Amino acid sequence: MKTHLVRIGNSRGIRLPKPLIDQAGLTDEVDIRVEGGAIIIERAANPREGWAEAAKELHTRGEDVLLDPPISTQFDENEWEW
């Protein structure tokens, strides 16, 4: 699909047709980069996407354990009250 660059202040931009936006799953926030002479626009990654499912899977396998044993601190022993 061909389109034209339009002026937006001192910058230039393009208008993306709604069907392309829907097909790509774009929302208000996108990631944009240049790769091999092409401008790539993709939906912004959610940094914690899939964490809940991964945690449930770890629990199912019994692998959701502490890496280090708990250590009492001076606060635990002297200052903390239930």
N, C-alpha and C. Protein backbone atom coordinates (compact mmCIF):
# COMPACT_ATOMS: atom_id res chain seq x y z
N MET A 1 0.85 -1.17 0.00
CA MET A 1 0.00 0.00 0.00
C MET A 1 0.90 1.23 0.00
N LYS A 2 0.68 2.15 -0.91
CA LYS A 2 1.44 3.39 -0.96
C LYS A 2 0.68 4.48 -0.23
N THR A 3 1.42 5.38 0.37
CA THR A 3 0.84 6.54 1.04
C THR A 3 1.83 7.69 0.94
N HIS A 4 1.45 8.84 1.42
CA HIS A 4 2.31 10.02 1.36
C HIS A 4 2.69 10.46 2.76
N LEU A 5 3.88 11.05 2.88
CA LEU A 5 4.27 11.69 4.13
C LEU A 5 3.54 13.02 4.23
N VAL A 6 3.04 13.34 5.42
CA VAL A 6 2.35 14.61 5.64
C VAL A 6 3.13 15.42 6.67
N ARG A 7 3.03 16.72 6.57
CA ARG A 7 3.72 17.60 7.53
C ARG A 7 2.95 17.61 8.86
N ILE A 8 3.71 17.47 9.94
CA ILE A 8 3.18 17.58 11.29
C ILE A 8 4.16 18.48 12.03
N GLY A 9 3.90 19.78 12.01
CA GLY A 9 4.86 20.73 12.57
C GLY A 9 6.14 20.68 11.76
N ASN A 10 7.28 20.50 12.44
CA ASN A 10 8.57 20.37 11.75
C ASN A 10 8.85 18.93 11.35
N SER A 11 7.98 18.02 11.70
CA SER A 11 8.19 16.60 11.42
C SER A 11 7.34 16.18 10.23
N ARG A 12 7.44 14.92 9.89
CA ARG A 12 6.62 14.32 8.85
C ARG A 12 6.02 13.05 9.43
N GLY A 13 4.86 12.67 8.93
CA GLY A 13 4.20 11.48 9.44
C GLY A 13 3.38 10.81 8.36
N ILE A 14 2.79 9.70 8.72
CA ILE A 14 1.88 8.98 7.82
C ILE A 14 0.59 8.71 8.57
N ARG A 15 -0.47 8.55 7.82
CA ARG A 15 -1.75 8.14 8.41
C ARG A 15 -1.90 6.66 8.15
N LEU A 16 -2.17 5.92 9.21
CA LEU A 16 -2.36 4.48 9.07
C LEU A 16 -3.84 4.17 8.98
N PRO A 17 -4.27 3.45 7.95
CA PRO A 17 -5.68 3.08 7.85
C PRO A 17 -6.09 2.17 9.01
N LYS A 18 -7.31 2.34 9.49
CA LYS A 18 -7.82 1.56 10.63
C LYS A 18 -7.69 0.05 10.43
N PRO A 19 -7.98 -0.49 9.24
CA PRO A 19 -7.81 -1.94 9.07
C PRO A 19 -6.37 -2.42 9.32
N LEU A 20 -5.38 -1.61 8.93
CA LEU A 20 -3.98 -1.98 9.20
C LEU A 20 -3.68 -1.95 10.69
N ILE A 21 -4.20 -0.92 11.37
CA ILE A 21 -4.00 -0.80 12.82
C ILE A 21 -4.61 -2.00 13.53
N ASP A 22 -5.83 -2.36 13.14
CA ASP A 22 -6.51 -3.50 13.75
C ASP A 22 -5.77 -4.80 13.44
N GLN A 23 -5.35 -4.98 12.22
CA GLN A 23 -4.67 -6.20 11.82
C GLN A 23 -3.35 -6.38 12.58
N ALA A 24 -2.65 -5.28 12.84
CA ALA A 24 -1.38 -5.34 13.57
C ALA A 24 -1.57 -5.38 15.08
N GLY A 25 -2.80 -5.13 15.54
CA GLY A 25 -3.06 -5.13 16.97
C GLY A 25 -2.44 -3.94 17.68
N LEU A 26 -2.34 -2.80 16.99
CA LEU A 26 -1.74 -1.61 17.58
C LEU A 26 -2.72 -0.92 18.52
N THR A 27 -2.17 -0.32 19.57
CA THR A 27 -2.97 0.47 20.51
C THR A 27 -2.38 1.89 20.53
N ASP A 28 -2.62 2.63 21.58
CA ASP A 28 -2.13 4.01 21.65
C ASP A 28 -0.61 4.10 21.74
N GLU A 29 0.04 3.07 22.25
CA GLU A 29 1.50 3.08 22.41
C GLU A 29 2.11 2.02 21.49
N VAL A 30 3.14 2.43 20.74
CA VAL A 30 3.81 1.51 19.82
C VAL A 30 5.32 1.62 20.01
N ASP A 31 6.03 0.60 19.56
CA ASP A 31 7.49 0.63 19.46
C ASP A 31 7.83 0.90 18.01
N ILE A 32 8.83 1.75 17.78
CA ILE A 32 9.23 2.09 16.43
C ILE A 32 10.75 2.03 16.34
N ARG A 33 11.26 1.48 15.23
CA ARG A 33 12.71 1.37 15.04
C ARG A 33 13.01 1.31 13.55
N VAL A 34 14.25 1.54 13.21
CA VAL A 34 14.71 1.42 11.83
C VAL A 34 15.50 0.12 11.72
N GLU A 35 15.19 -0.64 10.68
CA GLU A 35 15.85 -1.93 10.49
C GLU A 35 16.07 -2.14 8.99
N GLY A 36 17.31 -2.17 8.57
CA GLY A 36 17.61 -2.43 7.17
C GLY A 36 16.97 -1.45 6.21
N GLY A 37 16.94 -0.18 6.56
CA GLY A 37 16.35 0.83 5.71
C GLY A 37 14.84 0.90 5.76
N ALA A 38 14.22 0.14 6.65
CA ALA A 38 12.76 0.15 6.80
C ALA A 38 12.40 0.65 8.20
N ILE A 39 11.28 1.33 8.30
CA ILE A 39 10.76 1.76 9.59
C ILE A 39 9.77 0.70 10.05
N ILE A 40 10.04 0.12 11.21
CA ILE A 40 9.20 -0.93 11.77
C ILE A 40 8.36 -0.33 12.90
N ILE A 41 7.06 -0.48 12.80
CA ILE A 41 6.13 -0.05 13.85
C ILE A 41 5.43 -1.30 14.36
N GLU A 42 5.51 -1.54 15.66
CA GLU A 42 4.84 -2.71 16.23
C GLU A 42 4.24 -2.36 17.57
N ARG A 43 3.30 -3.18 18.00
CA ARG A 43 2.65 -2.89 19.28
C ARG A 43 3.70 -2.93 20.39
N ALA A 44 3.51 -2.05 21.36
CA ALA A 44 4.45 -1.95 22.48
C ALA A 44 4.36 -3.22 23.32
N ALA A 45 5.52 -3.71 23.69
CA ALA A 45 5.57 -4.92 24.50
C ALA A 45 5.18 -4.60 25.94
N ASN A 46 4.44 -5.50 26.54
CA ASN A 46 4.11 -5.39 27.95
C ASN A 46 5.22 -6.12 28.70
N PRO A 47 6.04 -5.41 29.50
CA PRO A 47 7.19 -6.04 30.14
C PRO A 47 6.86 -7.25 31.00
N ARG A 48 5.66 -7.31 31.55
CA ARG A 48 5.31 -8.42 32.44
C ARG A 48 4.27 -9.35 31.84
N GLU A 49 4.13 -9.28 30.52
CA GLU A 49 3.16 -10.12 29.85
C GLU A 49 3.53 -11.60 30.04
N GLY A 50 2.57 -12.39 30.49
CA GLY A 50 2.79 -13.82 30.67
C GLY A 50 3.32 -14.21 32.04
N TRP A 51 3.62 -13.22 32.91
CA TRP A 51 4.18 -13.56 34.22
C TRP A 51 3.20 -14.36 35.07
N ALA A 52 1.93 -14.02 35.04
CA ALA A 52 0.95 -14.72 35.88
C ALA A 52 0.87 -16.19 35.49
N GLU A 53 0.83 -16.46 34.19
CA GLU A 53 0.78 -17.85 33.72
C GLU A 53 2.06 -18.60 34.10
N ALA A 54 3.21 -17.92 33.97
CA ALA A 54 4.48 -18.57 34.31
C ALA A 54 4.53 -18.89 35.81
N ALA A 55 4.02 -17.99 36.66
CA ALA A 55 4.01 -18.23 38.10
C ALA A 55 3.11 -19.41 38.44
N LYS A 56 1.95 -19.50 37.79
CA LYS A 56 1.05 -20.63 38.03
C LYS A 56 1.72 -21.95 37.62
N GLU A 57 2.42 -21.93 36.50
CA GLU A 57 3.10 -23.13 36.03
C GLU A 57 4.21 -23.55 37.00
N LEU A 58 4.98 -22.59 37.50
CA LEU A 58 6.01 -22.89 38.50
C LEU A 58 5.39 -23.52 39.74
N HIS A 59 4.26 -22.96 40.19
CA HIS A 59 3.58 -23.49 41.37
C HIS A 59 3.11 -24.93 41.12
N THR A 60 2.57 -25.18 39.94
CA THR A 60 2.09 -26.52 39.59
C THR A 60 3.22 -27.53 39.64
N ARG A 61 4.40 -27.11 39.20
CA ARG A 61 5.56 -28.02 39.19
C ARG A 61 6.29 -28.04 40.54
N GLY A 62 5.84 -27.23 41.50
CA GLY A 62 6.48 -27.19 42.81
C GLY A 62 7.81 -26.47 42.79
N GLU A 63 8.01 -25.59 41.83
CA GLU A 63 9.28 -24.89 41.70
C GLU A 63 9.22 -23.45 42.18
N ASP A 64 8.16 -23.08 42.88
CA ASP A 64 8.03 -21.72 43.38
C ASP A 64 8.54 -21.64 44.81
N VAL A 65 9.82 -21.88 44.98
CA VAL A 65 10.45 -21.87 46.30
C VAL A 65 11.46 -20.72 46.37
N LEU A 66 11.80 -20.33 47.60
CA LEU A 66 12.79 -19.27 47.79
C LEU A 66 14.16 -19.78 47.36
N LEU A 67 14.95 -18.93 46.74
CA LEU A 67 16.30 -19.32 46.33
C LEU A 67 17.25 -19.35 47.51
N ASP A 68 17.05 -18.45 48.47
CA ASP A 68 17.88 -18.39 49.67
C ASP A 68 17.00 -18.59 50.89
N PRO A 69 17.54 -19.23 51.93
CA PRO A 69 16.72 -19.42 53.14
C PRO A 69 16.47 -18.06 53.81
N PRO A 70 15.31 -17.91 54.48
CA PRO A 70 15.03 -16.65 55.19
C PRO A 70 16.04 -16.44 56.32
N ILE A 71 16.46 -15.21 56.50
CA ILE A 71 17.44 -14.87 57.54
C ILE A 71 16.79 -13.83 58.45
N SER A 72 16.84 -14.09 59.76
CA SER A 72 16.31 -13.11 60.72
C SER A 72 17.25 -11.93 60.80
N THR A 73 16.66 -10.75 60.93
CA THR A 73 17.46 -9.55 61.09
C THR A 73 17.26 -9.00 62.49
N GLN A 74 18.04 -8.00 62.84
CA GLN A 74 17.90 -7.38 64.15
C GLN A 74 16.50 -6.78 64.29
N PHE A 75 15.97 -6.25 63.22
CA PHE A 75 14.60 -5.71 63.25
C PHE A 75 13.61 -6.81 63.60
N ASP A 76 13.76 -7.99 62.97
CA ASP A 76 12.85 -9.11 63.26
C ASP A 76 12.92 -9.50 64.71
N GLU A 77 14.11 -9.55 65.26
CA GLU A 77 14.31 -10.06 66.62
C GLU A 77 13.98 -9.04 67.70
N ASN A 78 14.26 -7.74 67.46
CA ASN A 78 14.12 -6.75 68.52
C ASN A 78 12.98 -5.76 68.35
N GLU A 79 12.62 -5.44 67.13
CA GLU A 79 11.71 -4.33 66.93
C GLU A 79 10.32 -4.73 66.44
N TRP A 80 10.21 -5.83 65.77
CA TRP A 80 8.92 -6.22 65.21
C TRP A 80 8.00 -6.77 66.26
N GLU A 81 6.74 -6.33 66.25
CA GLU A 81 5.74 -6.86 67.18
C GLU A 81 4.51 -7.28 66.39
N TRP A 82 3.93 -8.39 66.71
CA TRP A 82 2.70 -8.85 66.07
C TRP A 82 1.54 -8.25 66.75
